[in-house]
């Protein structure tokens, strides 16, 4: 990795089946990286795994959701002087070997946000799952003039300026609507082609009804709500 100081933020809620594999792979592939597991009030053995394995972690007393967990990581990054922070899923879908490419692009283009994108060089599959992603891409394009190929990717790198914003602004969340909002405010966003795996273990909280609600909320926020912020 580059000499820049980078923190990988790993939000985790009930990830006992995948956390150990995820963190051990992260440390093996990028041994000089710093990471922070944010245990979001898990009810399973997530906390015990962190203790047994000696993982760098903080534990929230109750489940507070992804936004609070991510902001906790950003506050840690800000207070400890990190140049970049990377949002990284605990479920094993993200591949740590792409971190170097993301950091290199962030530095080379002075990007505020770099997204690990599945669709820079590849087309989205035709499926109900990808329909929402296509709609969000169009919504961002309509409101910002910029195209984000993979707006729902959870693998995102943020520079110091963005770390400060996320750490101090409770209205921001690690979701497509915040990416859209920040673009409108002048943030430079770039994408790097990555491969992602299926969830390695456990179950996603996003079932079909929740996925539909997620996409609808994101689009409404991008197209309407953010004009009043």
Protein backbone atom coordinates (compact mmCIF):
# COMPACT_ATOMS: atom_id res chain seq x y z
CA UNK A 1 0.00 0.00 0.00
CA UNK A 2 0.96 3.63 -0.46
CA UNK A 3 2.54 5.48 2.48
CA UNK A 4 -0.77 7.25 3.13
CA UNK A 5 -2.42 6.34 6.41
CA UNK A 6 -5.53 4.27 5.65
CA UNK A 7 -8.18 2.87 8.01
CA UNK A 8 -10.50 0.07 6.93
CA UNK A 9 -13.86 0.37 8.70
CA UNK A 10 -15.66 -2.97 9.06
CA UNK A 11 -19.20 -2.53 10.43
CA UNK A 12 -20.44 -5.83 11.82
CA UNK A 13 -23.84 -6.89 13.12
CA UNK A 14 -24.30 -10.59 13.93
CA UNK A 15 -21.44 -11.62 11.63
CA UNK A 16 -20.07 -14.53 13.70
CA UNK A 17 -20.08 -16.82 10.66
CA UNK A 18 -18.04 -14.57 8.37
CA UNK A 19 -16.11 -12.02 10.45
CA UNK A 20 -13.07 -14.14 11.23
CA UNK A 21 -12.59 -15.13 7.59
CA UNK A 22 -13.05 -11.53 6.45
CA UNK A 23 -10.60 -9.93 8.88
CA UNK A 24 -7.99 -12.68 8.53
CA UNK A 25 -8.07 -12.33 4.73
CA UNK A 26 -7.80 -8.55 5.05
CA UNK A 27 -4.72 -8.82 7.28
CA UNK A 28 -3.17 -11.50 5.06
CA UNK A 29 -3.63 -9.64 1.77
CA UNK A 30 -2.84 -6.15 3.08
CA UNK A 31 -0.69 -6.77 6.17
CA UNK A 32 0.29 -3.13 6.69
CA UNK A 33 -3.31 -1.89 6.76
CA UNK A 34 -5.07 -0.59 9.86
CA UNK A 35 -8.63 -1.70 10.46
CA UNK A 36 -11.43 -1.17 12.95
CA UNK A 37 -14.29 -3.61 13.45
CA UNK A 38 -17.37 -1.73 14.65
CA UNK A 39 -19.47 -4.32 16.44
CA UNK A 40 -22.95 -2.84 16.20
CA UNK A 41 -24.51 -4.34 19.32
CA UNK A 42 -24.42 -7.88 17.94
CA UNK A 43 -26.41 -10.53 19.77
CA UNK A 44 -24.28 -13.44 18.54
CA UNK A 45 -20.58 -14.23 19.10
CA UNK A 46 -19.20 -11.30 17.06
CA UNK A 47 -17.86 -9.54 20.16
CA UNK A 48 -16.30 -12.72 21.55
CA UNK A 49 -14.56 -13.44 18.24
CA UNK A 50 -13.06 -9.94 18.29
CA UNK A 51 -11.80 -10.52 21.84
CA UNK A 52 -10.49 -14.03 21.21
CA UNK A 53 -8.71 -13.05 17.99
CA UNK A 54 -7.40 -9.75 19.32
CA UNK A 55 -9.08 -7.71 16.59
CA UNK A 56 -8.99 -3.93 16.84
CA UNK A 57 -12.63 -3.17 17.54
CA UNK A 58 -15.19 -1.05 19.31
CA UNK A 59 -18.56 -2.33 20.47
CA UNK A 60 -21.71 -0.23 20.48
CA UNK A 61 -23.95 -1.03 23.47
CA UNK A 62 -27.07 -1.52 21.31
CA UNK A 63 -27.70 -2.13 17.63
CA UNK A 64 -27.74 1.35 16.11
CA UNK A 65 -27.67 0.66 12.37
CA UNK A 66 -25.12 1.01 9.60
CA UNK A 67 -25.08 4.82 9.63
CA UNK A 68 -24.11 5.06 13.30
CA UNK A 69 -21.63 2.21 12.98
CA UNK A 70 -19.97 3.82 9.98
CA UNK A 71 -19.91 7.25 11.60
CA UNK A 72 -18.25 5.68 14.65
CA UNK A 73 -15.49 4.44 12.38
CA UNK A 74 -15.16 7.84 10.72
CA UNK A 75 -14.85 9.56 14.10
CA UNK A 76 -12.08 7.11 14.99
CA UNK A 77 -10.35 7.83 11.67
CA UNK A 78 -10.58 11.58 12.23
CA UNK A 79 -9.26 11.47 15.78
CA UNK A 80 -6.36 9.22 14.82
CA UNK A 81 -5.18 11.24 11.83
CA UNK A 82 -5.99 8.90 8.94
CA UNK A 83 -5.67 10.23 5.39
CA UNK A 84 -8.23 7.80 3.95
CA UNK A 85 -10.96 5.54 5.27
CA UNK A 86 -12.38 2.53 3.45
CA UNK A 87 -15.87 1.17 4.06
CA UNK A 88 -15.60 -2.64 3.93
CA UNK A 89 -18.31 -5.25 4.49
CA UNK A 90 -17.89 -7.90 7.18
CA UNK A 91 -19.74 -10.56 5.19
CA UNK A 92 -16.87 -11.49 2.87
CA UNK A 93 -18.25 -9.95 -0.33
CA UNK A 94 -15.43 -7.43 -0.75
CA UNK A 95 -11.95 -8.43 -1.93
CA UNK A 96 -9.07 -6.59 -0.20
CA UNK A 97 -6.71 -6.90 -3.17
CA UNK A 98 -8.47 -3.94 -4.82
CA UNK A 99 -7.61 -1.51 -2.04
CA UNK A 100 -4.30 -0.51 -3.59
CA UNK A 101 -5.96 0.39 -6.91
CA UNK A 102 -8.57 2.45 -5.11
CA UNK A 103 -5.94 4.32 -3.12
CA UNK A 104 -3.73 4.89 -6.17
CA UNK A 105 -6.67 6.41 -8.08
CA UNK A 106 -7.70 8.54 -5.11
CA UNK A 107 -4.21 10.02 -4.94
CA UNK A 108 -3.62 10.33 -8.69
CA UNK A 109 -6.90 12.14 -9.36
CA UNK A 110 -7.27 13.87 -5.99
CA UNK A 111 -10.62 12.14 -5.62
CA UNK A 112 -12.77 12.67 -2.57
CA UNK A 113 -14.51 9.31 -2.93
CA UNK A 114 -13.48 6.20 -4.85
CA UNK A 115 -16.07 3.47 -5.31
CA UNK A 116 -15.17 -0.16 -5.83
CA UNK A 117 -17.50 -0.70 -8.77
CA UNK A 118 -18.68 -3.90 -10.40
CA UNK A 119 -19.70 -2.04 -13.55
CA UNK A 120 -16.88 0.18 -14.80
CA UNK A 121 -15.95 -2.28 -17.55
CA UNK A 122 -18.86 -4.69 -17.25
CA UNK A 123 -22.56 -4.33 -17.93
CA UNK A 124 -25.17 -4.85 -15.26
CA UNK A 125 -27.07 -8.07 -15.53
CA UNK A 126 -30.71 -7.88 -16.52
CA UNK A 127 -32.47 -8.81 -13.29
CA UNK A 128 -34.84 -7.45 -10.67
CA UNK A 129 -31.84 -7.15 -8.36
CA UNK A 130 -30.07 -4.76 -10.73
CA UNK A 131 -33.17 -2.79 -11.69
CA UNK A 132 -32.95 -0.69 -8.54
CA UNK A 133 -29.27 0.02 -9.14
CA UNK A 134 -30.04 1.20 -12.69
CA UNK A 135 -32.80 3.49 -11.42
CA UNK A 136 -30.50 5.02 -8.78
CA UNK A 137 -27.78 5.56 -11.41
CA UNK A 138 -30.32 7.45 -13.55
CA UNK A 139 -31.55 9.48 -10.57
CA UNK A 140 -28.00 10.56 -9.70
CA UNK A 141 -27.32 11.46 -13.32
CA UNK A 142 -30.50 13.56 -13.51
CA UNK A 143 -29.72 15.51 -10.34
CA UNK A 144 -25.93 15.89 -10.58
CA UNK A 145 -25.01 15.41 -14.23
CA UNK A 146 -22.56 12.69 -13.15
CA UNK A 147 -22.85 8.98 -13.80
CA UNK A 148 -22.13 6.57 -10.95
CA UNK A 149 -22.14 3.07 -12.42
CA UNK A 150 -22.42 1.19 -9.12
CA UNK A 151 -24.14 3.48 -6.61
CA UNK A 152 -25.09 0.66 -4.23
CA UNK A 153 -21.55 -0.68 -3.82
CA UNK A 154 -20.60 -0.78 -0.16
CA UNK A 155 -16.88 -0.67 -0.90
CA UNK A 156 -15.98 3.02 -0.84
CA UNK A 157 -12.81 4.95 -0.01
CA UNK A 158 -13.02 8.48 1.42
CA UNK A 159 -10.29 11.10 1.72
CA UNK A 160 -9.57 13.23 4.78
CA UNK A 161 -12.06 15.92 3.78
CA UNK A 162 -14.82 13.34 3.52
CA UNK A 163 -13.77 11.72 6.80
CA UNK A 164 -14.30 15.07 8.50
CA UNK A 165 -17.71 15.54 6.90
CA UNK A 166 -19.02 12.10 7.79
CA UNK A 167 -17.62 12.29 11.32
CA UNK A 168 -19.32 15.62 12.02
CA UNK A 169 -22.53 15.58 9.98
CA UNK A 170 -25.23 13.28 11.38
CA UNK A 171 -27.35 13.74 8.26
CA UNK A 172 -24.89 11.82 6.08
CA UNK A 173 -25.08 8.06 5.71
CA UNK A 174 -23.02 5.51 3.77
CA UNK A 175 -25.70 5.18 1.10
CA UNK A 176 -26.25 6.35 -2.52
CA UNK A 177 -28.21 9.45 -1.49
CA UNK A 178 -25.22 10.83 0.41
CA UNK A 179 -22.93 10.13 -2.55
CA UNK A 180 -25.36 12.08 -4.75
CA UNK A 181 -25.59 14.92 -2.23
CA UNK A 182 -21.81 15.19 -1.92
CA UNK A 183 -21.39 15.25 -5.70
CA UNK A 184 -23.80 18.19 -5.82
CA UNK A 185 -21.65 19.88 -3.18
CA UNK A 186 -18.55 19.49 -5.33
CA UNK A 187 -17.09 16.13 -4.25
CA UNK A 188 -15.04 14.37 -6.90
CA UNK A 189 -16.13 10.73 -7.22
CA UNK A 190 -14.29 8.07 -9.19
CA UNK A 191 -14.82 4.33 -9.68
CA UNK A 192 -12.46 1.36 -9.91
CA UNK A 193 -13.48 -1.94 -11.45
CA UNK A 194 -13.63 -4.68 -8.81
CA UNK A 195 -15.05 -8.16 -8.46
CA UNK A 196 -17.35 -9.01 -5.59
CA UNK A 197 -18.33 -12.34 -4.14
CA UNK A 198 -21.63 -13.57 -2.82
CA UNK A 199 -22.07 -13.28 0.94
CA UNK A 200 -19.76 -15.92 2.44
CA UNK A 201 -22.00 -16.86 5.38
CA UNK A 202 -25.10 -15.74 7.25
CA UNK A 203 -28.04 -13.90 5.74
CA UNK A 204 -28.40 -10.37 4.45
CA UNK A 205 -30.87 -8.13 6.25
CA UNK A 206 -32.05 -6.96 2.81
CA UNK A 207 -34.83 -9.34 1.83
CA UNK A 208 -37.01 -8.53 -1.18
CA UNK A 209 -39.46 -6.17 0.60
CA UNK A 210 -36.61 -4.38 2.38
CA UNK A 211 -34.66 -4.12 -0.89
CA UNK A 212 -37.62 -2.48 -2.61
CA UNK A 213 -38.07 -0.07 0.29
CA UNK A 214 -34.32 0.71 0.27
CA UNK A 215 -34.32 1.55 -3.45
CA UNK A 216 -37.50 3.64 -3.17
CA UNK A 217 -36.13 5.62 -0.23
CA UNK A 218 -32.83 6.25 -2.00
CA UNK A 219 -34.53 7.48 -5.17
CA UNK A 220 -36.97 9.74 -3.32
CA UNK A 221 -34.10 11.26 -1.36
CA UNK A 222 -31.96 11.79 -4.45
CA UNK A 223 -34.73 13.23 -6.61
CA UNK A 224 -36.63 15.31 -4.05
CA UNK A 225 -35.52 15.49 -0.42
CA UNK A 226 -31.95 16.63 -1.03
CA UNK A 227 -33.07 19.75 -2.85
CA UNK A 228 -34.18 21.12 0.53
CA UNK A 229 -30.90 20.42 2.35
